[in-house]
Amino acid sequence: MIRIATAAFDSGRELAEFIRLCPASTGGIASFTGLVRGGGTDGITALTLEHYPGMTERRIAEIIETAHARWQLDSSLVIHRVGRMLPGEAIVFVATASAHRAAALAACEFLIDWLKTKAPFWKLEETSAGERWVEPRAADDEAAARWA
């Protein structure tokens, strides 16, 4: 399942509902919640994520299909925020379920790596020095490339 959200979500509630809906064959569940970073040396005060509705959901669906083709998953869930967010707010939630933990863990990590590099989102950071668009990072590309 895919959900693009403009409003904040509670990853604990999302995980509990995901677990409730898993089939009896599920033996392992993995999840990841990504948060908006703030402060630090960059002084980030907010993050705005832009996307193209329709295109974003199609690309995320393709990424999820790839995960299901590589690992035997019972279920998966991706929630991704768009719009303006403040430090500490959840930006992404991924959950995967499988009969065995190894598949759930690997698929969850794969989904995060590919969402970071292959999903069509554009990030605008607000800092004390002004606004700036976030450029792709080589480390993110390297993490995604290991799944090729």
N, C-alpha and C. Protein backbone atom coordinates (compact mmCIF):
# COMPACT_ATOMS: atom_id res chain seq x y z
N MET A 1 0.84 -1.16 0.00
CA MET A 1 0.00 0.00 0.00
C MET A 1 0.89 1.24 0.00
N ILE A 2 0.44 2.27 -0.66
CA ILE A 2 1.15 3.54 -0.75
C ILE A 2 0.21 4.64 -0.28
N ARG A 3 0.77 5.55 0.52
CA ARG A 3 0.00 6.72 0.89
C ARG A 3 0.92 7.95 0.85
N ILE A 4 0.54 8.94 0.07
CA ILE A 4 1.22 10.22 0.07
C ILE A 4 0.39 11.11 0.98
N ALA A 5 1.04 11.66 2.01
CA ALA A 5 0.30 12.39 3.05
C ALA A 5 0.78 13.83 3.16
N THR A 6 -0.16 14.73 3.35
CA THR A 6 0.19 16.11 3.63
C THR A 6 0.16 16.38 5.13
N ALA A 7 -0.57 15.57 5.86
CA ALA A 7 -0.69 15.74 7.31
C ALA A 7 0.26 14.79 8.04
N ALA A 8 0.62 15.15 9.24
CA ALA A 8 1.48 14.31 10.07
C ALA A 8 0.80 12.96 10.32
N PHE A 9 1.61 11.95 10.52
CA PHE A 9 1.09 10.62 10.85
C PHE A 9 1.85 10.08 12.04
N ASP A 10 1.26 9.11 12.71
CA ASP A 10 1.85 8.48 13.88
C ASP A 10 2.38 7.11 13.45
N SER A 11 3.70 6.97 13.37
CA SER A 11 4.26 5.72 12.88
C SER A 11 3.94 4.55 13.80
N GLY A 12 3.79 4.79 15.09
CA GLY A 12 3.41 3.72 16.01
C GLY A 12 2.03 3.17 15.70
N ARG A 13 1.09 4.07 15.46
CA ARG A 13 -0.27 3.64 15.08
C ARG A 13 -0.27 2.94 13.73
N GLU A 14 0.51 3.48 12.79
CA GLU A 14 0.59 2.87 11.45
C GLU A 14 1.16 1.46 11.54
N LEU A 15 2.20 1.27 12.36
CA LEU A 15 2.79 -0.05 12.52
C LEU A 15 1.81 -1.01 13.18
N ALA A 16 1.11 -0.56 14.20
CA ALA A 16 0.13 -1.42 14.88
C ALA A 16 -0.95 -1.88 13.92
N GLU A 17 -1.44 -0.98 13.07
CA GLU A 17 -2.48 -1.35 12.09
C GLU A 17 -1.91 -2.28 11.03
N PHE A 18 -0.68 -2.03 10.60
CA PHE A 18 -0.02 -2.90 9.63
C PHE A 18 0.08 -4.32 10.19
N ILE A 19 0.53 -4.45 11.43
CA ILE A 19 0.64 -5.76 12.07
C ILE A 19 -0.72 -6.44 12.17
N ARG A 20 -1.73 -5.67 12.54
CA ARG A 20 -3.09 -6.23 12.69
C ARG A 20 -3.58 -6.83 11.38
N LEU A 21 -3.21 -6.24 10.26
CA LEU A 21 -3.70 -6.69 8.96
C LEU A 21 -2.83 -7.77 8.31
N CYS A 22 -1.70 -8.10 8.91
CA CYS A 22 -0.82 -9.12 8.33
C CYS A 22 -1.46 -10.50 8.41
N PRO A 23 -1.18 -11.34 7.41
CA PRO A 23 -1.72 -12.70 7.46
C PRO A 23 -1.03 -13.54 8.53
N ALA A 24 -1.64 -14.67 8.86
CA ALA A 24 -1.11 -15.55 9.90
C ALA A 24 0.26 -16.11 9.52
N SER A 25 0.60 -16.13 8.24
CA SER A 25 1.89 -16.66 7.80
C SER A 25 3.06 -15.74 8.10
N THR A 26 2.78 -14.51 8.51
CA THR A 26 3.84 -13.55 8.80
C THR A 26 4.62 -13.97 10.04
N GLY A 27 5.94 -14.00 9.90
CA GLY A 27 6.82 -14.34 11.02
C GLY A 27 7.76 -13.21 11.38
N GLY A 28 7.91 -12.24 10.47
CA GLY A 28 8.82 -11.13 10.74
C GLY A 28 8.32 -9.84 10.12
N ILE A 29 8.45 -8.76 10.86
CA ILE A 29 8.05 -7.44 10.37
C ILE A 29 9.21 -6.48 10.63
N ALA A 30 9.52 -5.69 9.61
CA ALA A 30 10.54 -4.66 9.75
C ALA A 30 9.91 -3.32 9.43
N SER A 31 10.37 -2.29 10.10
CA SER A 31 9.85 -0.96 9.81
C SER A 31 10.95 0.08 9.96
N PHE A 32 10.74 1.20 9.30
CA PHE A 32 11.67 2.32 9.36
C PHE A 32 10.85 3.60 9.35
N THR A 33 11.21 4.53 10.22
CA THR A 33 10.61 5.85 10.22
C THR A 33 11.72 6.86 10.04
N GLY A 34 11.61 7.67 8.99
CA GLY A 34 12.57 8.73 8.75
C GLY A 34 12.02 10.05 9.25
N LEU A 35 12.87 10.83 9.91
CA LEU A 35 12.47 12.10 10.49
C LEU A 35 13.17 13.26 9.79
N VAL A 36 12.53 14.42 9.81
CA VAL A 36 13.15 15.63 9.30
C VAL A 36 14.23 16.04 10.30
N ARG A 37 15.46 16.16 9.79
CA ARG A 37 16.56 16.62 10.65
C ARG A 37 16.46 18.12 10.83
N GLY A 38 16.92 18.58 11.96
CA GLY A 38 16.92 20.01 12.21
C GLY A 38 18.19 20.43 12.91
N GLY A 39 18.34 21.73 13.00
CA GLY A 39 19.48 22.27 13.73
C GLY A 39 20.79 21.89 13.08
N GLY A 40 21.73 21.41 13.87
CA GLY A 40 23.03 21.02 13.38
C GLY A 40 23.79 22.21 12.80
N THR A 41 24.81 21.92 12.04
CA THR A 41 25.62 22.98 11.45
C THR A 41 24.87 23.72 10.35
N ASP A 42 23.86 23.08 9.76
CA ASP A 42 23.10 23.71 8.68
C ASP A 42 21.99 24.62 9.19
N GLY A 43 21.58 24.44 10.44
CA GLY A 43 20.52 25.27 11.00
C GLY A 43 19.19 25.11 10.26
N ILE A 44 18.84 23.88 9.88
CA ILE A 44 17.59 23.63 9.16
C ILE A 44 16.41 23.89 10.09
N THR A 45 15.49 24.73 9.62
CA THR A 45 14.32 25.08 10.42
C THR A 45 13.04 24.47 9.86
N ALA A 46 13.07 24.05 8.58
CA ALA A 46 11.92 23.40 7.96
C ALA A 46 12.37 22.75 6.66
N LEU A 47 11.56 21.81 6.19
CA LEU A 47 11.81 21.12 4.94
C LEU A 47 10.50 21.05 4.17
N THR A 48 10.54 21.41 2.89
CA THR A 48 9.37 21.28 2.04
C THR A 48 9.67 20.24 0.97
N LEU A 49 8.79 19.28 0.84
CA LEU A 49 8.91 18.25 -0.18
C LEU A 49 7.87 18.50 -1.24
N GLU A 50 8.33 18.59 -2.48
CA GLU A 50 7.43 18.74 -3.62
C GLU A 50 7.43 17.46 -4.43
N HIS A 51 6.33 17.24 -5.17
CA HIS A 51 6.22 16.04 -6.01
C HIS A 51 5.18 16.29 -7.09
N TYR A 52 5.11 15.36 -8.04
CA TYR A 52 4.07 15.40 -9.07
C TYR A 52 3.06 14.30 -8.75
N PRO A 53 1.86 14.68 -8.29
CA PRO A 53 0.84 13.67 -7.99
C PRO A 53 0.61 12.76 -9.20
N GLY A 54 0.41 11.50 -8.92
CA GLY A 54 0.23 10.52 -9.97
C GLY A 54 1.56 9.91 -10.36
N MET A 55 2.49 10.73 -10.78
CA MET A 55 3.83 10.24 -11.15
C MET A 55 4.52 9.65 -9.92
N THR A 56 4.41 10.31 -8.81
CA THR A 56 5.06 9.84 -7.58
C THR A 56 4.51 8.48 -7.17
N GLU A 57 3.20 8.35 -7.14
CA GLU A 57 2.59 7.09 -6.74
C GLU A 57 2.95 5.96 -7.69
N ARG A 58 2.98 6.25 -9.00
CA ARG A 58 3.35 5.22 -9.97
C ARG A 58 4.79 4.74 -9.75
N ARG A 59 5.70 5.66 -9.51
CA ARG A 59 7.10 5.28 -9.33
C ARG A 59 7.28 4.51 -8.02
N ILE A 60 6.62 4.93 -6.96
CA ILE A 60 6.72 4.19 -5.70
C ILE A 60 6.12 2.79 -5.87
N ALA A 61 5.02 2.67 -6.60
CA ALA A 61 4.43 1.35 -6.85
C ALA A 61 5.42 0.44 -7.58
N GLU A 62 6.16 0.99 -8.53
CA GLU A 62 7.18 0.20 -9.24
C GLU A 62 8.28 -0.26 -8.29
N ILE A 63 8.69 0.61 -7.38
CA ILE A 63 9.73 0.26 -6.41
C ILE A 63 9.22 -0.85 -5.49
N ILE A 64 7.97 -0.74 -5.05
CA ILE A 64 7.38 -1.77 -4.19
C ILE A 64 7.26 -3.09 -4.96
N GLU A 65 6.84 -3.04 -6.21
CA GLU A 65 6.75 -4.26 -7.03
C GLU A 65 8.11 -4.94 -7.14
N THR A 66 9.16 -4.15 -7.28
CA THR A 66 10.51 -4.71 -7.35
C THR A 66 10.85 -5.42 -6.05
N ALA A 67 10.51 -4.83 -4.92
CA ALA A 67 10.78 -5.47 -3.62
C ALA A 67 10.02 -6.78 -3.50
N HIS A 68 8.76 -6.79 -3.92
CA HIS A 68 7.95 -8.02 -3.82
C HIS A 68 8.47 -9.09 -4.77
N ALA A 69 9.06 -8.70 -5.87
CA ALA A 69 9.62 -9.68 -6.82
C ALA A 69 10.93 -10.27 -6.29
N ARG A 70 11.67 -9.50 -5.50
CA ARG A 70 12.98 -9.96 -5.00
C ARG A 70 12.86 -10.77 -3.71
N TRP A 71 11.89 -10.43 -2.87
CA TRP A 71 11.71 -11.11 -1.58
C TRP A 71 10.27 -11.58 -1.47
N GLN A 72 10.07 -12.66 -0.77
CA GLN A 72 8.72 -13.17 -0.56
C GLN A 72 8.10 -12.39 0.60
N LEU A 73 7.38 -11.35 0.24
CA LEU A 73 6.75 -10.49 1.25
C LEU A 73 5.26 -10.82 1.35
N ASP A 74 4.76 -10.81 2.58
CA ASP A 74 3.33 -10.94 2.80
C ASP A 74 2.63 -9.62 2.56
N SER A 75 3.33 -8.53 2.90
CA SER A 75 2.72 -7.21 2.82
C SER A 75 3.80 -6.14 2.89
N SER A 76 3.43 -4.93 2.43
CA SER A 76 4.33 -3.78 2.56
C SER A 76 3.49 -2.51 2.63
N LEU A 77 4.09 -1.49 3.21
CA LEU A 77 3.42 -0.20 3.35
C LEU A 77 4.47 0.90 3.22
N VAL A 78 4.17 1.91 2.41
CA VAL A 78 5.01 3.10 2.29
C VAL A 78 4.11 4.31 2.50
N ILE A 79 4.46 5.13 3.47
CA ILE A 79 3.80 6.42 3.68
C ILE A 79 4.88 7.47 3.50
N HIS A 80 4.63 8.45 2.66
CA HIS A 80 5.61 9.52 2.43
C HIS A 80 4.90 10.86 2.53
N ARG A 81 5.45 11.74 3.33
CA ARG A 81 4.89 13.09 3.47
C ARG A 81 5.34 13.98 2.33
N VAL A 82 4.52 14.95 2.02
CA VAL A 82 4.86 16.05 1.12
C VAL A 82 4.38 17.34 1.79
N GLY A 83 4.88 18.44 1.28
CA GLY A 83 4.53 19.72 1.88
C GLY A 83 5.60 20.16 2.86
N ARG A 84 5.25 21.13 3.69
CA ARG A 84 6.20 21.71 4.64
C ARG A 84 6.18 20.94 5.96
N MET A 85 7.37 20.59 6.43
CA MET A 85 7.51 19.83 7.68
C MET A 85 8.57 20.47 8.55
N LEU A 86 8.43 20.27 9.84
CA LEU A 86 9.36 20.81 10.81
C LEU A 86 10.30 19.72 11.33
N PRO A 87 11.46 20.10 11.85
CA PRO A 87 12.37 19.11 12.41
C PRO A 87 11.67 18.22 13.44
N GLY A 88 11.98 16.94 13.37
CA GLY A 88 11.39 15.97 14.29
C GLY A 88 10.13 15.30 13.76
N GLU A 89 9.52 15.86 12.72
CA GLU A 89 8.32 15.24 12.15
C GLU A 89 8.71 14.06 11.27
N ALA A 90 7.84 13.05 11.25
CA ALA A 90 8.06 11.89 10.39
C ALA A 90 7.85 12.30 8.94
N ILE A 91 8.81 11.93 8.10
CA ILE A 91 8.73 12.24 6.67
C ILE A 91 8.40 10.99 5.85
N VAL A 92 8.86 9.82 6.34
CA VAL A 92 8.61 8.57 5.61
C VAL A 92 8.47 7.42 6.61
N PHE A 93 7.60 6.48 6.26
CA PHE A 93 7.42 5.26 7.04
C PHE A 93 7.34 4.10 6.07
N VAL A 94 8.14 3.08 6.32
CA VAL A 94 8.13 1.87 5.51
C VAL A 94 7.98 0.68 6.44
N ALA A 95 7.10 -0.24 6.08
CA ALA A 95 6.95 -1.49 6.82
C ALA A 95 6.87 -2.64 5.83
N THR A 96 7.51 -3.75 6.19
CA THR A 96 7.47 -4.95 5.36
C THR A 96 7.20 -6.14 6.26
N ALA A 97 6.49 -7.12 5.72
CA ALA A 97 6.16 -8.34 6.46
C ALA A 97 6.47 -9.54 5.60
N SER A 98 7.02 -10.56 6.24
CA SER A 98 7.38 -11.79 5.52
C SER A 98 7.30 -12.96 6.49
N ALA A 99 7.34 -14.15 5.96
CA ALA A 99 7.36 -15.33 6.81
C ALA A 99 8.64 -15.37 7.64
N HIS A 100 9.71 -14.77 7.12
CA HIS A 100 11.01 -14.80 7.80
C HIS A 100 11.60 -13.40 7.91
N ARG A 101 12.31 -13.15 8.99
CA ARG A 101 12.84 -11.82 9.27
C ARG A 101 13.81 -11.31 8.22
N ALA A 102 14.65 -12.20 7.67
CA ALA A 102 15.67 -11.76 6.72
C ALA A 102 15.05 -11.05 5.52
N ALA A 103 13.98 -11.60 4.99
CA ALA A 103 13.32 -10.99 3.84
C ALA A 103 12.69 -9.65 4.23
N ALA A 104 12.06 -9.61 5.39
CA ALA A 104 11.42 -8.35 5.83
C ALA A 104 12.47 -7.26 6.04
N LEU A 105 13.59 -7.61 6.68
CA LEU A 105 14.63 -6.62 6.93
C LEU A 105 15.28 -6.13 5.63
N ALA A 106 15.64 -7.05 4.75
CA ALA A 106 16.28 -6.67 3.49
C ALA A 106 15.35 -5.82 2.64
N ALA A 107 14.10 -6.23 2.52
CA ALA A 107 13.15 -5.48 1.70
C ALA A 107 12.91 -4.08 2.27
N CYS A 108 12.85 -3.95 3.57
CA CYS A 108 12.65 -2.63 4.18
C CYS A 108 13.84 -1.72 3.86
N GLU A 109 15.05 -2.24 3.99
CA GLU A 109 16.23 -1.45 3.69
C GLU A 109 16.29 -1.08 2.21
N PHE A 110 15.97 -2.03 1.35
CA PHE A 110 15.91 -1.77 -0.09
C PHE A 110 14.92 -0.65 -0.40
N LEU A 111 13.73 -0.74 0.16
CA LEU A 111 12.71 0.27 -0.11
C LEU A 111 13.18 1.66 0.30
N ILE A 112 13.80 1.78 1.46
CA ILE A 112 14.29 3.08 1.90
C ILE A 112 15.37 3.59 0.95
N ASP A 113 16.31 2.74 0.59
CA ASP A 113 17.39 3.16 -0.31
C ASP A 113 16.85 3.61 -1.66
N TRP A 114 15.90 2.88 -2.21
CA TRP A 114 15.38 3.24 -3.53
C TRP A 114 14.40 4.41 -3.46
N LEU A 115 13.64 4.53 -2.39
CA LEU A 115 12.78 5.71 -2.25
C LEU A 115 13.63 6.97 -2.21
N LYS A 116 14.75 6.90 -1.51
CA LYS A 116 15.63 8.06 -1.36
C LYS A 116 16.21 8.52 -2.70
N THR A 117 16.45 7.57 -3.61
CA THR A 117 17.15 7.92 -4.85
C THR A 117 16.30 7.84 -6.12
N LYS A 118 15.22 7.08 -6.09
CA LYS A 118 14.46 6.85 -7.32
C LYS A 118 13.04 7.40 -7.32
N ALA A 119 12.55 7.80 -6.16
CA ALA A 119 11.20 8.38 -6.10
C ALA A 119 11.29 9.88 -6.43
N PRO A 120 10.35 10.39 -7.21
CA PRO A 120 10.43 11.79 -7.65
C PRO A 120 9.93 12.79 -6.60
N PHE A 121 10.84 13.12 -5.70
CA PHE A 121 10.59 14.15 -4.69
C PHE A 121 11.69 15.20 -4.81
N TRP A 122 11.32 16.44 -4.54
CA TRP A 122 12.29 17.53 -4.54
C TRP A 122 12.22 18.20 -3.18
N LYS A 123 13.39 18.37 -2.55
CA LYS A 123 13.47 18.89 -1.17
C LYS A 123 14.01 20.31 -1.16
N LEU A 124 13.30 21.16 -0.47
CA LEU A 124 13.72 22.54 -0.25
C LEU A 124 13.92 22.73 1.25
N GLU A 125 15.15 23.03 1.65
CA GLU A 125 15.44 23.26 3.05
C GLU A 125 15.35 24.75 3.37
N GLU A 126 14.76 25.05 4.51
CA GLU A 126 14.78 26.40 5.05
C GLU A 126 15.82 26.41 6.15
N THR A 127 16.74 27.38 6.07
CA THR A 127 17.79 27.50 7.08
C THR A 127 17.83 28.94 7.56
N SER A 128 18.63 29.17 8.57
CA SER A 128 18.80 30.54 9.07
C SER A 128 19.44 31.44 8.01
N ALA A 129 20.12 30.83 7.03
CA ALA A 129 20.77 31.60 5.96
C ALA A 129 19.89 31.74 4.72
N GLY A 130 18.71 31.13 4.72
CA GLY A 130 17.82 31.19 3.56
C GLY A 130 17.41 29.81 3.10
N GLU A 131 16.83 29.76 1.91
CA GLU A 131 16.35 28.49 1.34
C GLU A 131 17.38 27.93 0.36
N ARG A 132 17.36 26.57 0.26
CA ARG A 132 18.23 25.92 -0.72
C ARG A 132 17.63 24.57 -1.11
N TRP A 133 17.76 24.23 -2.39
CA TRP A 133 17.33 22.93 -2.89
C TRP A 133 18.39 21.90 -2.50
N VAL A 134 17.95 20.72 -2.11
CA VAL A 134 18.85 19.64 -1.70
C VAL A 134 19.30 18.88 -2.94
N GLU A 135 20.59 18.77 -3.11
CA GLU A 135 21.16 18.02 -4.24
C GLU A 135 21.30 16.55 -3.86
N PRO A 136 21.24 15.65 -4.85
CA PRO A 136 21.47 14.22 -4.56
C PRO A 136 22.84 14.02 -3.93
N ARG A 137 22.92 13.05 -3.03
CA ARG A 137 24.19 12.74 -2.36
C ARG A 137 24.78 11.46 -2.91
N ALA A 138 26.08 11.45 -3.11
CA ALA A 138 26.77 10.26 -3.63
C ALA A 138 26.56 9.06 -2.71
N ALA A 139 26.55 9.28 -1.40
CA ALA A 139 26.37 8.18 -0.45
C ALA A 139 25.01 7.51 -0.63
N ASP A 140 23.97 8.29 -0.93
CA ASP A 140 22.64 7.72 -1.17
C ASP A 140 22.63 6.88 -2.45
N ASP A 141 23.29 7.39 -3.49
CA ASP A 141 23.38 6.66 -4.75
C ASP A 141 24.16 5.35 -4.57
N GLU A 142 25.21 5.39 -3.77
CA GLU A 142 26.00 4.18 -3.51
C GLU A 142 25.18 3.14 -2.75
N ALA A 143 24.38 3.61 -1.79
CA ALA A 143 23.53 2.68 -1.02
C ALA A 143 22.50 2.02 -1.92
N ALA A 144 21.92 2.79 -2.82
CA ALA A 144 20.93 2.23 -3.75
C ALA A 144 21.56 1.30 -4.77
N ALA A 145 22.78 1.61 -5.19
CA ALA A 145 23.45 0.82 -6.23
C ALA A 145 23.77 -0.60 -5.76
N ARG A 146 23.92 -0.80 -4.49
CA ARG A 146 24.24 -2.15 -4.02
C ARG A 146 23.11 -3.15 -4.25
N TRP A 147 21.92 -2.64 -4.52
CA TRP A 147 20.77 -3.51 -4.77
C TRP A 147 20.63 -3.85 -6.25
N ALA A 148 21.45 -3.26 -7.10
CA ALA A 148 21.33 -3.49 -8.56
C ALA A 148 21.80 -4.88 -8.94
